[in-house]
Amino acid sequence: MAQLHTRVFLIRHGATTLSAEDRFAGATDVPLSDEGRRQARRLSLRLKHEPIAAVYSSTMGRTLETARILAEPHGLEVVQREGLKEISHGHWEQLTRHEVEERFPEEASEWDKDPYTFAPAGGESGLAVTARALPALIELVRFHPGQNVVVVSHKATIRLLLSSLFGFDPRRYRDNLDQSPAALNIVDFKDPARARLMLFNDTSHYEDSGLAIPGVATSRLSKWWSEELKQSI
């Protein structure tokens, strides 16, 4: 019997009207820009032949619009999940980095040192985001064994999820990981506790909608991943 894997297409929303301004807008509900919609449509073309069972999104407008563009070729409705929303920056929201450093220098310094455990007043730490986003993602994996699902979320949230899933130092998530607008990440789950990163921060669809999606890994795997595969051959 073949092993069932859950494949998650983990996607950041497209560019927004504030993307070019470098403002803190995690909890600010801003719409996609025309460029963001173009990015999402290109990714939609790339994924249109994939057998997608469900499309999930955070509750924010920019992710919902991106998700609906991706869901349309598959005739699916977008399911919202509160846990997938972006990190809140509290009283930093809608300020530029320079403005934050001028108005709240002590907070900015602490955040630079450790954005995982520190949060500005009224905002969230990376730890708090992980505590709500990771259970939300794992719930979807449990609900869709052997299926492909699209999950549309946000820059910080995705980086924190990947840090948790693959053992990266979460205190360095801002330094070590990036997520471009409408970036495609692919995570294959053997089960809810074990995952394999197959694609990261890929934006090839910006220019070419015909690029291939990597297949499920079947060789050169660690023992815990490949044991059941060997038994099924």
Protein backbone atom coordinates (compact mmCIF):
# COMPACT_ATOMS: atom_id res chain seq x y z
CA MET A 1 0.00 0.00 0.00
CA ALA A 2 1.43 3.37 -1.04
CA GLN A 3 2.15 5.86 1.71
CA LEU A 4 -0.09 8.90 1.93
CA HIS A 5 1.60 12.28 2.06
CA THR A 6 -0.05 15.65 2.50
CA ARG A 7 1.42 18.33 0.28
CA VAL A 8 1.00 21.94 1.41
CA PHE A 9 1.47 24.73 -1.10
CA LEU A 10 2.37 27.41 1.44
CA ILE A 11 2.06 30.79 -0.25
CA ARG A 12 2.59 34.38 0.73
CA HIS A 13 0.01 36.87 -0.52
CA GLY A 14 0.84 39.08 -3.48
CA ALA A 15 2.29 42.59 -3.26
CA THR A 16 0.10 45.21 -1.58
CA THR A 17 -0.37 48.94 -1.90
CA LEU A 18 2.05 49.40 1.03
CA SER A 19 4.73 46.89 -0.04
CA ALA A 20 6.97 49.51 -1.63
CA GLU A 21 6.72 51.84 1.38
CA ASP A 22 8.42 49.50 3.88
CA ARG A 23 5.86 50.11 6.61
CA PHE A 24 4.87 47.82 9.46
CA ALA A 25 1.45 46.62 8.34
CA GLY A 26 0.98 43.18 9.83
CA ALA A 27 -2.41 43.85 11.40
CA THR A 28 -3.35 46.58 8.91
CA ASP A 29 -5.80 45.30 6.32
CA VAL A 30 -4.39 46.63 3.06
CA PRO A 31 -5.48 45.42 -0.40
CA LEU A 32 -3.39 43.86 -3.12
CA SER A 33 -1.84 46.20 -5.63
CA ASP A 34 -2.28 45.65 -9.36
CA GLU A 35 1.17 44.05 -9.32
CA GLY A 36 0.09 41.74 -6.50
CA ARG A 37 -2.91 40.58 -8.49
CA ARG A 38 -0.68 39.92 -11.50
CA GLN A 39 1.66 37.85 -9.33
CA ALA A 40 -1.26 35.83 -7.97
CA ARG A 41 -2.66 35.20 -11.44
CA ARG A 42 0.72 33.96 -12.65
CA LEU A 43 0.93 31.57 -9.73
CA SER A 44 -2.64 30.48 -10.40
CA LEU A 45 -1.62 29.46 -13.92
CA ARG A 46 1.30 27.53 -12.52
CA LEU A 47 -0.89 25.57 -10.12
CA LYS A 48 -4.02 25.13 -12.22
CA HIS A 49 -3.23 21.52 -13.22
CA GLU A 50 -2.36 20.42 -9.68
CA PRO A 51 -5.05 18.34 -7.92
CA ILE A 52 -5.93 20.80 -5.15
CA ALA A 53 -8.38 19.53 -2.52
CA ALA A 54 -8.85 22.77 -0.56
CA VAL A 55 -7.68 26.37 -0.33
CA TYR A 56 -7.16 28.02 3.05
CA SER A 57 -6.33 31.62 3.88
CA SER A 58 -5.86 33.95 6.78
CA THR A 59 -8.76 36.30 7.44
CA MET A 60 -7.01 39.37 6.05
CA GLY A 61 -8.02 40.98 2.76
CA ARG A 62 -4.71 40.58 0.96
CA THR A 63 -4.54 36.86 1.64
CA LEU A 64 -8.21 36.29 0.85
CA GLU A 65 -7.90 38.01 -2.53
CA THR A 66 -4.77 36.03 -3.36
CA ALA A 67 -6.41 32.78 -2.27
CA ARG A 68 -9.55 33.43 -4.34
CA ILE A 69 -7.45 33.96 -7.46
CA LEU A 70 -5.67 30.66 -6.78
CA ALA A 71 -8.91 28.80 -5.99
CA GLU A 72 -10.85 29.91 -9.07
CA PRO A 73 -9.40 27.40 -11.60
CA HIS A 74 -10.24 24.57 -9.20
CA GLY A 75 -13.80 25.68 -8.49
CA LEU A 76 -13.08 25.86 -4.76
CA GLU A 77 -14.27 28.20 -2.03
CA VAL A 78 -11.63 29.72 0.23
CA VAL A 79 -11.77 28.61 3.86
CA GLN A 80 -10.59 31.22 6.36
CA ARG A 81 -8.40 30.44 9.36
CA GLU A 82 -7.76 33.13 11.99
CA GLY A 83 -4.55 31.43 13.12
CA LEU A 84 -2.87 32.08 9.77
CA LYS A 85 -3.02 35.88 9.98
CA GLU A 86 0.06 38.09 10.08
CA ILE A 87 1.95 39.21 13.17
CA SER A 88 0.60 42.36 14.80
CA HIS A 89 3.11 45.13 15.41
CA GLY A 90 0.93 46.95 17.94
CA HIS A 91 1.56 50.68 18.09
CA TRP A 92 4.18 50.36 15.33
CA GLU A 93 1.49 49.63 12.75
CA GLN A 94 1.71 51.82 9.61
CA LEU A 95 4.98 53.40 10.72
CA THR A 96 8.21 53.06 8.72
CA ARG A 97 11.26 51.41 10.25
CA HIS A 98 12.92 54.83 10.56
CA GLU A 99 9.89 56.26 12.36
CA VAL A 100 9.84 53.35 14.80
CA GLU A 101 13.53 53.78 15.58
CA GLU A 102 13.00 57.48 16.24
CA ARG A 103 9.85 57.17 18.38
CA PHE A 104 10.50 53.88 20.18
CA PRO A 105 14.29 53.36 20.20
CA GLU A 106 14.36 50.95 23.17
CA GLU A 107 11.64 48.74 21.70
CA ALA A 108 13.31 48.76 18.29
CA SER A 109 16.61 47.70 19.86
CA GLU A 110 15.02 44.81 21.77
CA TRP A 111 13.11 43.68 18.70
CA ASP A 112 16.29 43.65 16.63
CA LYS A 113 17.96 41.44 19.24
CA ASP A 114 15.14 38.93 19.56
CA PRO A 115 11.90 39.33 17.57
CA TYR A 116 10.84 35.86 18.67
CA THR A 117 10.21 36.62 22.35
CA PHE A 118 9.91 40.43 22.27
CA ALA A 119 6.78 42.29 21.14
CA PRO A 120 6.14 46.04 20.86
CA ALA A 121 3.36 47.44 23.03
CA GLY A 122 0.03 46.08 21.86
CA GLY A 123 1.68 43.69 19.40
CA GLU A 124 2.68 40.04 19.15
CA SER A 125 5.96 38.22 19.56
CA GLY A 126 7.09 35.62 17.06
CA LEU A 127 6.43 33.03 19.73
CA ALA A 128 2.79 34.13 20.02
CA VAL A 129 2.36 33.89 16.25
CA THR A 130 3.87 30.40 16.19
CA ALA A 131 1.57 29.31 19.03
CA ARG A 132 -1.52 30.08 16.94
CA ALA A 133 -0.27 29.44 13.38
CA LEU A 134 1.42 26.06 13.85
CA PRO A 135 -1.65 24.31 15.36
CA ALA A 136 -3.77 25.79 12.56
CA LEU A 137 -1.45 24.34 9.91
CA ILE A 138 -1.13 20.93 11.57
CA GLU A 139 -4.93 20.71 11.85
CA LEU A 140 -5.15 21.07 8.05
CA VAL A 141 -2.54 18.36 7.55
CA ARG A 142 -4.51 15.98 9.78
CA PHE A 143 -7.72 16.80 7.90
CA HIS A 144 -6.23 16.18 4.42
CA PRO A 145 -4.19 12.96 4.44
CA GLY A 146 -2.89 12.14 0.98
CA GLN A 147 -4.17 15.41 -0.53
CA ASN A 148 -2.77 18.69 -1.82
CA VAL A 149 -3.87 21.89 -0.11
CA VAL A 150 -3.13 25.55 -0.69
CA VAL A 151 -2.46 27.70 2.38
CA VAL A 152 -2.13 31.46 1.85
CA SER A 153 -0.54 33.38 4.70
CA HIS A 154 1.96 36.16 5.39
CA LYS A 155 5.68 36.90 5.38
CA ALA A 156 6.48 36.67 9.10
CA THR A 157 3.95 33.91 9.76
CA ILE A 158 5.37 31.67 7.02
CA ARG A 159 8.95 32.23 8.15
CA LEU A 160 8.00 31.36 11.72
CA LEU A 161 6.14 28.23 10.57
CA LEU A 162 9.13 27.05 8.56
CA SER A 163 11.47 27.78 11.47
CA SER A 164 9.33 25.63 13.75
CA LEU A 165 8.85 22.79 11.27
CA PHE A 166 12.51 22.51 10.26
CA GLY A 167 14.40 23.45 13.39
CA PHE A 168 15.77 26.85 12.36
CA ASP A 169 16.63 29.26 15.18
CA PRO A 170 13.37 31.25 15.45
CA ARG A 171 15.20 34.23 16.96
CA ARG A 172 16.88 34.64 13.56
CA TYR A 173 13.84 34.15 11.37
CA ARG A 174 14.03 37.70 10.05
CA ASP A 175 17.73 37.40 9.23
CA ASN A 176 17.87 33.89 7.78
CA LEU A 177 14.62 33.46 5.83
CA ASP A 178 12.85 35.59 3.25
CA GLN A 179 9.43 35.50 1.59
CA SER A 180 8.76 37.48 -1.57
CA PRO A 181 5.23 38.51 -2.54
CA ALA A 182 3.28 35.55 -3.97
CA ALA A 183 6.21 33.25 -3.20
CA LEU A 184 5.58 29.51 -3.44
CA ASN A 185 6.83 27.10 -0.77
CA ILE A 186 6.07 23.39 -0.89
CA VAL A 187 6.06 21.28 2.27
CA ASP A 188 5.41 17.54 2.13
CA PHE A 189 4.16 15.98 5.37
CA LYS A 190 4.71 12.29 6.00
CA ASP A 191 2.49 12.80 9.05
CA PRO A 192 1.61 15.82 11.21
CA ALA A 193 4.94 15.59 13.08
CA ARG A 194 7.34 15.07 10.15
CA ALA A 195 7.78 17.30 7.13
CA ARG A 196 10.15 17.85 4.22
CA LEU A 197 10.78 21.22 2.53
CA MET A 198 10.60 20.70 -1.25
CA LEU A 199 10.54 24.29 -2.51
CA PHE A 200 11.30 27.61 -0.81
CA ASN A 201 10.48 31.22 -1.69
CA ASP A 202 10.07 30.41 -5.37
CA THR A 203 8.89 33.22 -7.66
CA SER A 204 9.70 31.67 -11.04
CA HIS A 205 6.06 32.12 -12.03
CA TYR A 206 6.57 35.89 -12.15
CA GLU A 207 7.78 35.39 -15.72
CA ASP A 208 6.98 31.80 -16.70
CA SER A 209 3.71 30.10 -15.75
CA GLY A 210 4.78 26.77 -17.25
CA LEU A 211 7.42 25.84 -14.71
CA ALA A 212 7.19 22.40 -13.17
CA ILE A 213 6.23 21.55 -9.62
CA PRO A 214 8.70 19.16 -7.90
CA GLY A 215 7.45 15.63 -7.34
CA VAL A 216 7.26 13.86 -3.99
CA ALA A 217 10.72 12.68 -2.95
CA THR A 218 11.24 8.93 -3.38
CA SER A 219 15.02 8.44 -3.12
CA ARG A 220 18.06 9.53 -1.09
CA LEU A 221 15.83 10.02 1.94
CA SER A 222 16.44 9.68 5.66
CA LYS A 223 15.32 6.40 7.22
CA TRP A 224 12.35 7.89 9.07
CA TRP A 225 10.98 9.27 5.80
CA SER A 226 11.69 6.34 3.47
CA GLU A 227 10.98 3.29 5.67
CA GLU A 228 7.32 2.91 4.68
CA LEU A 229 8.11 3.72 1.05
CA LYS A 230 10.49 0.75 0.92
CA GLN A 231 7.87 -1.52 2.41
CA SER A 232 5.30 -0.48 -0.20
CA ILE A 233 7.55 -1.24 -3.20
